[in-house]
Every structure is written in C-alpha cells, then in structure tokens.
PDB file of N, CA and C in Angstrom:
ATOM      1  N   MET A   1     110.498  58.346 103.315  1.00  0.00           N
ATOM      2  CA  MET A   1     111.011  56.922 104.253  1.00  0.00           C
ATOM      3  C   MET A   1     110.118  57.019 105.738  1.00  0.00           C
ATOM      4  N   LYS A   2     109.964  55.837 106.056  1.00  0.00           N
ATOM      5  CA  LYS A   2     109.084  55.536 107.149  1.00  0.00           C
ATOM      6  C   LYS A   2     110.037  55.562 108.401  1.00  0.00           C
ATOM      7  N   LYS A   3     109.557  56.460 109.734  1.00  0.00           N
ATOM      8  CA  LYS A   3     110.106  56.036 110.369  1.00  0.00           C
ATOM      9  C   LYS A   3     109.942  55.382 111.433  1.00  0.00           C
ATOM     10  N   THR A   4     110.759  54.621 112.137  1.00  0.00           N
ATOM     11  CA  THR A   4     109.927  53.300 113.181  1.00  0.00           C
ATOM     12  C   THR A   4     110.433  54.122 114.427  1.00  0.00           C
ATOM     13  N   THR A   5     109.845  53.555 115.524  1.00  0.00           N
ATOM     14  CA  THR A   5     109.968  53.988 116.785  1.00  0.00           C
ATOM     15  C   THR A   5     110.226  52.653 117.726  1.00  0.00           C
ATOM     16  N   THR A   6     111.240  52.480 118.293  1.00  0.00           N
ATOM     17  CA  THR A   6     111.572  51.488 118.900  1.00  0.00           C
ATOM     18  C   THR A   6     111.430  51.339 120.235  1.00  0.00           C
ATOM     19  N   GLN A   7     111.141  50.235 121.320  1.00  0.00           N
ATOM     20  CA  GLN A   7     111.000  50.568 122.639  1.00  0.00           C
ATOM     21  C   GLN A   7     112.134  51.433 123.229  1.00  0.00           C
ATOM     22  N   HIS A   8     113.452  51.270 122.710  1.00  0.00           N
ATOM     23  CA  HIS A   8     114.433  51.911 123.805  1.00  0.00           C
ATOM     24  C   HIS A   8     114.343  53.191 123.199  1.00  0.00           C
ATOM     25  N   SER A   9     114.224  54.026 122.345  1.00  0.00           N
ATOM     26  CA  SER A   9     113.765  55.292 122.033  1.00  0.00           C
ATOM     27  C   SER A   9     112.742  56.067 122.716  1.00  0.00           C
ATOM     28  N   LYS A  10     111.445  55.022 122.763  1.00  0.00           N
ATOM     29  CA  LYS A  10     110.551  55.756 123.421  1.00  0.00           C
ATOM     30  C   LYS A  10     110.540  55.922 124.711  1.00  0.00           C
ATOM     31  N   LYS A  11     111.581  55.059 125.917  1.00  0.00           N
ATOM     32  CA  LYS A  11     112.175  55.090 126.994  1.00  0.00           C
ATOM     33  C   LYS A  11     112.800  56.275 126.995  1.00  0.00           C
ATOM     34  N   PHE A  12     113.868  56.325 125.922  1.00  0.00           N
ATOM     35  CA  PHE A  12     114.520  57.487 126.076  1.00  0.00           C
ATOM     36  C   PHE A  12     113.987  58.735 126.158  1.00  0.00           C
ATOM     37  N   SER A  13     113.127  59.142 125.275  1.00  0.00           N
ATOM     38  CA  SER A  13     112.087  60.177 124.869  1.00  0.00           C
ATOM     39  C   SER A  13     111.054  60.662 125.963  1.00  0.00           C
ATOM     40  N   SER A  14     110.592  59.394 126.780  1.00  0.00           N
ATOM     41  CA  SER A  14     109.914  59.454 128.037  1.00  0.00           C
ATOM     42  C   SER A  14     111.048  60.051 129.210  1.00  0.00           C
ATOM     43  N   PHE A  15     112.189  59.400 129.534  1.00  0.00           N
ATOM     44  CA  PHE A  15     113.041  59.758 130.387  1.00  0.00           C
ATOM     45  C   PHE A  15     113.322  61.191 130.497  1.00  0.00           C
ATOM     46  N   PHE A  16     113.931  61.789 129.212  1.00  0.00           N
ATOM     47  CA  PHE A  16     114.371  63.104 128.586  1.00  0.00           C
ATOM     48  C   PHE A  16     113.275  63.853 129.285  1.00  0.00           C
ATOM     49  N   CYS A  17     111.922  63.603 128.713  1.00  0.00           N
ATOM     50  CA  CYS A  17     110.809  64.876 129.105  1.00  0.00           C
ATOM     51  C   CYS A  17     110.580  64.840 130.807  1.00  0.00           C
ATOM     52  N   HIS A  18     110.979  63.327 131.054  1.00  0.00           N
ATOM     53  CA  HIS A  18     110.811  63.550 132.705  1.00  0.00           C
ATOM     54  C   HIS A  18     111.962  64.324 133.372  1.00  0.00           C
ATOM     55  N   LEU A  19     113.151  64.365 132.791  1.00  0.00           N
ATOM     56  CA  LEU A  19     114.280  64.997 133.348  1.00  0.00           C
ATOM     57  C   LEU A  19     114.219  66.177 133.277  1.00  0.00           C
ATOM     58  N   PHE A  20     113.918  66.551 131.918  1.00  0.00           N
ATOM     59  CA  PHE A  20     114.139  68.265 131.408  1.00  0.00           C
ATOM     60  C   PHE A  20     112.779  68.906 131.396  1.00  0.00           C
ATOM     61  N   GLY A  21     111.938  68.043 130.945  1.00  0.00           N
ATOM     62  CA  GLY A  21     110.612  68.690 130.800  1.00  0.00           C
ATOM     63  C   GLY A  21     110.192  68.501 129.332  1.00  0.00           C
ATOM     64  N   HIS A  22     108.512  68.823 128.929  1.00  0.00           N
ATOM     65  CA  HIS A  22     108.238  68.696 127.638  1.00  0.00           C
ATOM     66  C   HIS A  22     108.690  69.523 127.026  1.00  0.00           C
ATOM     67  N   HIS A  23     108.664  69.328 125.637  1.00  0.00           N
ATOM     68  CA  HIS A  23     108.948  70.593 124.820  1.00  0.00           C
ATOM     69  C   HIS A  23     107.776  70.526 123.453  1.00  0.00           C
ATOM     70  N   TYR A  24     106.942  71.563 124.180  1.00  0.00           N
ATOM     71  CA  TYR A  24     105.422  71.545 123.000  1.00  0.00           C
ATOM     72  C   TYR A  24     105.752  72.351 121.959  1.00  0.00           C
ATOM     73  N   VAL A  25     105.185  71.908 121.230  1.00  0.00           N
ATOM     74  CA  VAL A  25     104.885  72.808 119.631  1.00  0.00           C
ATOM     75  C   VAL A  25     103.703  72.579 119.480  1.00  0.00           C
ATOM     76  N   VAL A  26     103.412  74.216 119.218  1.00  0.00           N
ATOM     77  CA  VAL A  26     101.511  73.999 118.669  1.00  0.00           C
ATOM     78  C   VAL A  26     101.364  73.110 117.435  1.00  0.00           C
ATOM     79  N   SER A  27     100.286  72.172 117.916  1.00  0.00           N
ATOM     80  CA  SER A  27      99.866  71.303 116.627  1.00  0.00           C
ATOM     81  C   SER A  27      98.596  71.377 115.837  1.00  0.00           C
ATOM     82  N   LYS A  28      98.035  72.474 116.943  1.00  0.00           N
ATOM     83  CA  LYS A  28      96.300  72.662 116.151  1.00  0.00           C
ATOM     84  C   LYS A  28      95.819  74.077 116.551  1.00  0.00           C
ATOM     85  N   LYS A  29      95.542  75.258 115.954  1.00  0.00           N
ATOM     86  CA  LYS A  29      95.178  76.351 116.247  1.00  0.00           C
ATOM     87  C   LYS A  29      93.765  76.103 116.704  1.00  0.00           C
ATOM     88  N   VAL A  30      92.867  76.285 117.779  1.00  0.00           N
ATOM     89  CA  VAL A  30      91.241  75.892 117.803  1.00  0.00           C
ATOM     90  C   VAL A  30      90.796  77.520 117.686  1.00  0.00           C
ATOM     91  N   THR A  31      91.055  78.538 118.951  1.00  0.00           N
ATOM     92  CA  THR A  31      90.800  79.705 118.642  1.00  0.00           C
ATOM     93  C   THR A  31      91.951  80.668 118.687  1.00  0.00           C
ATOM     94  N   GLU A  32      91.831  82.055 118.641  1.00  0.00           N
ATOM     95  CA  GLU A  32      93.198  82.707 118.777  1.00  0.00           C
ATOM     96  C   GLU A  32      93.517  82.511 120.063  1.00  0.00           C
ATOM     97  N   HIS A  33      92.654  81.784 121.147  1.00  0.00           N
ATOM     98  CA  HIS A  33      93.235  81.800 122.416  1.00  0.00           C
ATOM     99  C   HIS A  33      93.448  80.207 123.109  1.00  0.00           C
ATOM    100  N   ILE A  34      92.687  79.201 122.247  1.00  0.00           N
ATOM    101  CA  ILE A  34      93.107  78.178 122.845  1.00  0.00           C
ATOM    102  C   ILE A  34      93.675  77.024 121.168  1.00  0.00           C
ATOM    103  N   LYS A  35      94.706  76.637 121.908  1.00  0.00           N
ATOM    104  CA  LYS A  35      95.675  75.796 121.225  1.00  0.00           C
ATOM    105  C   LYS A  35      95.890  74.457 121.856  1.00  0.00           C
ATOM    106  N   GLU A  36      96.206  73.582 120.928  1.00  0.00           N
ATOM    107  CA  GLU A  36      96.426  72.152 120.600  1.00  0.00           C
ATOM    108  C   GLU A  36      97.975  71.911 121.101  1.00  0.00           C
ATOM    109  N   TYR A  37      98.393  71.474 122.056  1.00  0.00           N
ATOM    110  CA  TYR A  37     100.086  71.271 122.043  1.00  0.00           C
ATOM    111  C   TYR A  37     100.538  69.816 121.690  1.00  0.00           C
ATOM    112  N   LYS A  38     101.860  69.376 121.225  1.00  0.00           N
ATOM    113  CA  LYS A  38     102.145  68.235 120.900  1.00  0.00           C
ATOM    114  C   LYS A  38     104.035  68.435 121.507  1.00  0.00           C
ATOM    115  N   CYS A  39     104.158  67.310 122.290  1.00  0.00           N
ATOM    116  CA  CYS A  39     105.489  67.060 122.677  1.00  0.00           C
ATOM    117  C   CYS A  39     106.162  66.340 121.551  1.00  0.00           C
ATOM    118  N   ILE A  40     107.565  67.322 121.305  1.00  0.00           N
ATOM    119  CA  ILE A  40     108.196  66.770 120.002  1.00  0.00           C
ATOM    120  C   ILE A  40     108.881  65.273 120.123  1.00  0.00           C
ATOM    121  N   HIS A  41     109.067  65.283 121.480  1.00  0.00           N
ATOM    122  CA  HIS A  41     110.007  64.114 122.003  1.00  0.00           C
ATOM    123  C   HIS A  41     109.075  62.742 122.504  1.00  0.00           C
ATOM    124  N   CYS A  42     108.109  62.996 123.370  1.00  0.00           N
ATOM    125  CA  CYS A  42     107.356  61.604 123.606  1.00  0.00           C
ATOM    126  C   CYS A  42     106.041  61.740 122.826  1.00  0.00           C
ATOM    127  N   GLY A  43     105.440  62.929 122.712  1.00  0.00           N
ATOM    128  CA  GLY A  43     103.932  62.532 121.882  1.00  0.00           C
ATOM    129  C   GLY A  43     102.780  63.132 122.723  1.00  0.00           C
ATOM    130  N   LYS A  44     103.141  63.682 123.521  1.00  0.00           N
ATOM    131  CA  LYS A  44     102.109  63.712 124.681  1.00  0.00           C
ATOM    132  C   LYS A  44     101.501  65.133 124.133  1.00  0.00           C
ATOM    133  N   GLU A  45     100.167  65.080 124.294  1.00  0.00           N
ATOM    134  CA  GLU A  45      99.398  65.988 123.946  1.00  0.00           C
ATOM    135  C   GLU A  45      98.420  66.633 124.883  1.00  0.00           C
ATOM    136  N   VAL A  46      98.427  68.192 124.988  1.00  0.00           N
ATOM    137  CA  VAL A  46      98.014  69.260 125.970  1.00  0.00           C
ATOM    138  C   VAL A  46      96.950  70.018 125.248  1.00  0.00           C
ATOM    139  N   THR A  47      96.001  70.728 125.973  1.00  0.00           N
ATOM    140  CA  THR A  47      95.424  71.671 125.241  1.00  0.00           C
ATOM    141  C   THR A  47      95.571  73.132 126.516  1.00  0.00           C
ATOM    142  N   THR A  48      95.223  73.930 126.284  1.00  0.00           N
ATOM    143  CA  THR A  48      94.726  75.436 127.004  1.00  0.00           C
ATOM    144  C   THR A  48      93.498  74.634 127.503  1.00  0.00           C
ATOM    145  N   ASP A  49      92.888  75.171 128.718  1.00  0.00           N
ATOM    146  CA  ASP A  49      91.728  74.927 129.598  1.00  0.00           C
ATOM    147  C   ASP A  49      90.923  76.540 129.737  1.00  0.00           C
ATOM    148  N   VAL A  50      89.978  76.474 130.285  1.00  0.00           N
ATOM    149  CA  VAL A  50      89.473  77.833 130.440  1.00  0.00           C
ATOM    150  C   VAL A  50      90.011  78.870 131.020  1.00  0.00           C
ATOM    151  N   SER A  51      91.111  77.998 132.191  1.00  0.00           N
ATOM    152  CA  SER A  51      91.755  79.048 132.821  1.00  0.00           C
ATOM    153  C   SER A  51      92.790  79.373 132.324  1.00  0.00           C
ATOM    154  N   GLY A  52      93.661  79.175 130.729  1.00  0.00           N
ATOM    155  CA  GLY A  52      94.611  79.462 130.224  1.00  0.00           C
ATOM    156  C   GLY A  52      95.581  78.392 130.859  1.00  0.00           C
ATOM    157  N   THR A  53      95.541  77.393 131.591  1.00  0.00           N
ATOM    158  CA  THR A  53      96.839  76.449 131.770  1.00  0.00           C
ATOM    159  C   THR A  53      96.966  75.284 130.902  1.00  0.00           C
ATOM    160  N   LEU A  54      97.453  74.767 130.935  1.00  0.00           N
ATOM    161  CA  LEU A  54      97.818  73.603 130.076  1.00  0.00           C
ATOM    162  C   LEU A  54      96.975  72.248 130.958  1.00  0.00           C
ATOM    163  N   SER A  55      96.334  71.314 130.244  1.00  0.00           N
ATOM    164  CA  SER A  55      95.518  70.206 130.715  1.00  0.00           C
ATOM    165  C   SER A  55      96.024  68.950 129.725  1.00  0.00           C
ATOM    166  N   VAL A  56      95.913  67.887 130.258  1.00  0.00           N
ATOM    167  CA  VAL A  56      95.901  66.719 129.338  1.00  0.00           C
ATOM    168  C   VAL A  56      94.939  66.644 128.253  1.00  0.00           C
ATOM    169  N   LEU A  57      95.070  66.413 126.777  1.00  0.00           N
ATOM    170  CA  LEU A  57      94.062  66.274 125.834  1.00  0.00           C
ATOM    171  C   LEU A  57      93.309  65.056 125.877  1.00  0.00           C
ATOM    172  N   THR A  58      92.382  64.781 126.463  1.00  0.00           N
ATOM    173  CA  THR A  58      91.382  63.885 126.450  1.00  0.00           C
ATOM    174  C   THR A  58      90.505  63.794 125.541  1.00  0.00           C
ATOM    175  N   PRO A  59      90.023  62.538 125.244  1.00  0.00           N
ATOM    176  CA  PRO A  59      88.947  62.524 124.097  1.00  0.00           C
ATOM    177  C   PRO A  59      87.907  63.595 124.181  1.00  0.00           C
ATOM    178  N   GLN A  60      87.343  63.685 125.603  1.00  0.00           N
ATOM    179  CA  GLN A  60      86.118  64.586 125.905  1.00  0.00           C
ATOM    180  C   GLN A  60      86.842  66.240 125.312  1.00  0.00           C
ATOM    181  N   MET A  61      87.867  66.461 125.674  1.00  0.00           N
ATOM    182  CA  MET A  61      88.326  67.559 125.540  1.00  0.00           C
ATOM    183  C   MET A  61      88.572  67.982 124.303  1.00  0.00           C
ATOM    184  N   GLN A  62      89.062  66.979 123.115  1.00  0.00           N
ATOM    185  CA  GLN A  62      89.254  67.214 121.903  1.00  0.00           C
ATOM    186  C   GLN A  62      87.931  67.432 121.272  1.00  0.00           C
ATOM    187  N   GLU A  63      86.982  66.663 122.023  1.00  0.00           N
ATOM    188  CA  GLU A  63      85.568  66.792 121.195  1.00  0.00           C
ATOM    189  C   GLU A  63      84.950  68.305 121.334  1.00  0.00           C
ATOM    190  N   ILE A  64      85.451  68.834 122.327  1.00  0.00           N
ATOM    191  CA  ILE A  64      84.968  70.259 122.673  1.00  0.00           C
ATOM    192  C   ILE A  64      85.674  71.193 122.207  1.00  0.00           C
ATOM    193  N   ASN A  65      87.317  71.309 121.663  1.00  0.00           N
ATOM    194  CA  ASN A  65      87.901  71.910 121.231  1.00  0.00           C
ATOM    195  C   ASN A  65      87.344  71.882 119.479  1.00  0.00           C
ATOM    196  N   ASN A  66      86.964  70.698 119.082  1.00  0.00           N
ATOM    197  CA  ASN A  66      86.375  70.605 117.617  1.00  0.00           C
ATOM    198  C   ASN A  66      85.070  71.381 117.274  1.00  0.00           C
ATOM    199  N   THR A  67      84.231  71.292 118.658  1.00  0.00           N
ATOM    200  CA  THR A  67      83.247  71.991 118.435  1.00  0.00           C
ATOM    201  C   THR A  67      83.213  73.168 118.931  1.00  0.00           C
ATOM    202  N   LEU A  68      84.146  73.981 119.353  1.00  0.00           N
ATOM    203  CA  LEU A  68      84.716  75.271 119.761  1.00  0.00           C
ATOM    204  C   LEU A  68      85.149  75.746 118.422  1.00  0.00           C
ATOM    205  N   GLU A  69      86.282  75.134 117.773  1.00  0.00           N
ATOM    206  CA  GLU A  69      86.895  75.577 116.652  1.00  0.00           C
ATOM    207  C   GLU A  69      85.536  75.795 115.288  1.00  0.00           C
ATOM    208  N   ASP A  70      84.697  74.707 115.376  1.00  0.00           N
ATOM    209  CA  ASP A  70      83.547  75.010 113.889  1.00  0.00           C
ATOM    210  C   ASP A  70      82.427  75.997 114.323  1.00  0.00           C
ATOM    211  N   MET A  71      82.352  76.839 116.054  1.00  0.00           N
ATOM    212  CA  MET A  71      81.497  77.783 116.213  1.00  0.00           C
ATOM    213  C   MET A  71      82.450  79.016 115.739  1.00  0.00           C
ATOM    214  N   TYR A  72      83.940  78.714 116.568  1.00  0.00           N
ATOM    215  CA  TYR A  72      84.564  79.940 116.318  1.00  0.00           C
ATOM    216  C   TYR A  72      84.540  80.392 114.585  1.00  0.00           C
ATOM    217  N   GLN A  73      85.000  79.247 113.632  1.00  0.00           N
ATOM    218  CA  GLN A  73      85.088  79.627 112.097  1.00  0.00           C
ATOM    219  C   GLN A  73      84.034  80.225 111.683  1.00  0.00           C
ATOM    220  N   LYS A  74      82.717  79.526 112.151  1.00  0.00           N
ATOM    221  CA  LYS A  74      81.468  80.047 111.469  1.00  0.00           C
ATOM    222  C   LYS A  74      81.272  81.547 111.460  1.00  0.00           C
ATOM    223  N   ARG A  75      81.577  82.173 112.950  1.00  0.00           N
ATOM    224  CA  ARG A  75      81.317  83.412 113.729  1.00  0.00           C
ATOM    225  C   ARG A  75      81.910  84.336 112.878  1.00  0.00           C
ATOM    226  N   LYS A  76      83.587  83.727 112.590  1.00  0.00           N
ATOM    227  CA  LYS A  76      84.379  84.554 112.063  1.00  0.00           C
ATOM    228  C   LYS A  76      84.022  84.674 110.512  1.00  0.00           C
ATOM    229  N   ASN A  77      83.664  83.832 109.885  1.00  0.00           N
ATOM    230  CA  ASN A  77      83.199  84.041 108.478  1.00  0.00           C
ATOM    231  C   ASN A  77      81.982  84.674 108.266  1.00  0.00           C
ATOM    232  N   ARG A  78      80.867  84.574 109.367  1.00  0.00           N
ATOM    233  CA  ARG A  78      79.555  85.527 109.349  1.00  0.00           C
ATOM    234  C   ARG A  78      80.256  87.113 109.465  1.00  0.00           C
ATOM    235  N   THR A  79      81.030  87.450 110.310  1.00  0.00           N
ATOM    236  CA  THR A  79      81.292  88.644 110.639  1.00  0.00           C
ATOM    237  C   THR A  79      82.392  89.413 109.124  1.00  0.00           C
ATOM    238  N   VAL A  80      83.086  88.271 108.451  1.00  0.00           N
ATOM    239  CA  VAL A  80      83.795  88.987 107.366  1.00  0.00           C
ATOM    240  C   VAL A  80      82.383  89.365 106.432  1.00  0.00           C
ATOM    241  N   GLN A  81      81.781  88.464 106.161  1.00  0.00           N
ATOM    242  CA  GLN A  81      80.554  88.528 104.878  1.00  0.00           C
ATOM    243  C   GLN A  81      79.611  89.877 105.398  1.00  0.00           C
ATOM    244  N   SER A  82      79.185  89.936 106.463  1.00  0.00           N
ATOM    245  CA  SER A  82      78.448  91.084 106.793  1.00  0.00           C
ATOM    246  C   SER A  82      79.048  92.462 106.552  1.00  0.00           C
ATOM    247  N   VAL A  83      80.519  92.798 106.956  1.00  0.00           N
ATOM    248  CA  VAL A  83      81.410  94.042 106.525  1.00  0.00           C
ATOM    249  C   VAL A  83      81.349  94.132 105.403  1.00  0.00           C
ATOM    250  N   ALA A  84      81.765  93.075 104.129  1.00  0.00           N
ATOM    251  CA  ALA A  84      81.706  93.715 102.925  1.00  0.00           C
ATOM    252  C   ALA A  84      80.347  93.898 102.254  1.00  0.00           C
TER     253      ALA A  84
END
C-alpha cells in the first residue's frame, strides 16, 4: 500500500519536531563512529561530523560519507584477508 503525505500532515510533523525536537533513527552506518540519521516525523537528515556533533546532511557531506564508507570497507576487507 502506498503511503501519501498531505500538506496538513507535513505541517503537523514539522510543528511536532519544532515543539518536541526531532526523533532521529540511524539510516546508514558509514563507519563505527560516523552514522547518518533521519527524523521519523519530518524526514530531516543529519550526520555526525568530525567533532562528533550532528550537522545537516548536505550533498557535499553525503559524498564525503560515501567516499569514507568505501575506504573503510576496503580497509576492513584487507585486514580480514591478511589475518587468515
């Protein structure tokens, strides 16, 4: 079943987040320390930055996270193969 979002529910969700704060869940695990989060109410996306605080997930930050994830996966695979 397809879920449709109306303008009324969008306004209510953004009002809810403005009043009570966002409810973030992990949407992507980039590395063990860096994750991307998404608010379940309004859909706002954030990520952890260098200092460990949450910052808005811009296209530039998303590209950095994708590159970092690729490097992390390659390094992780390389260390596992050399041990065996």
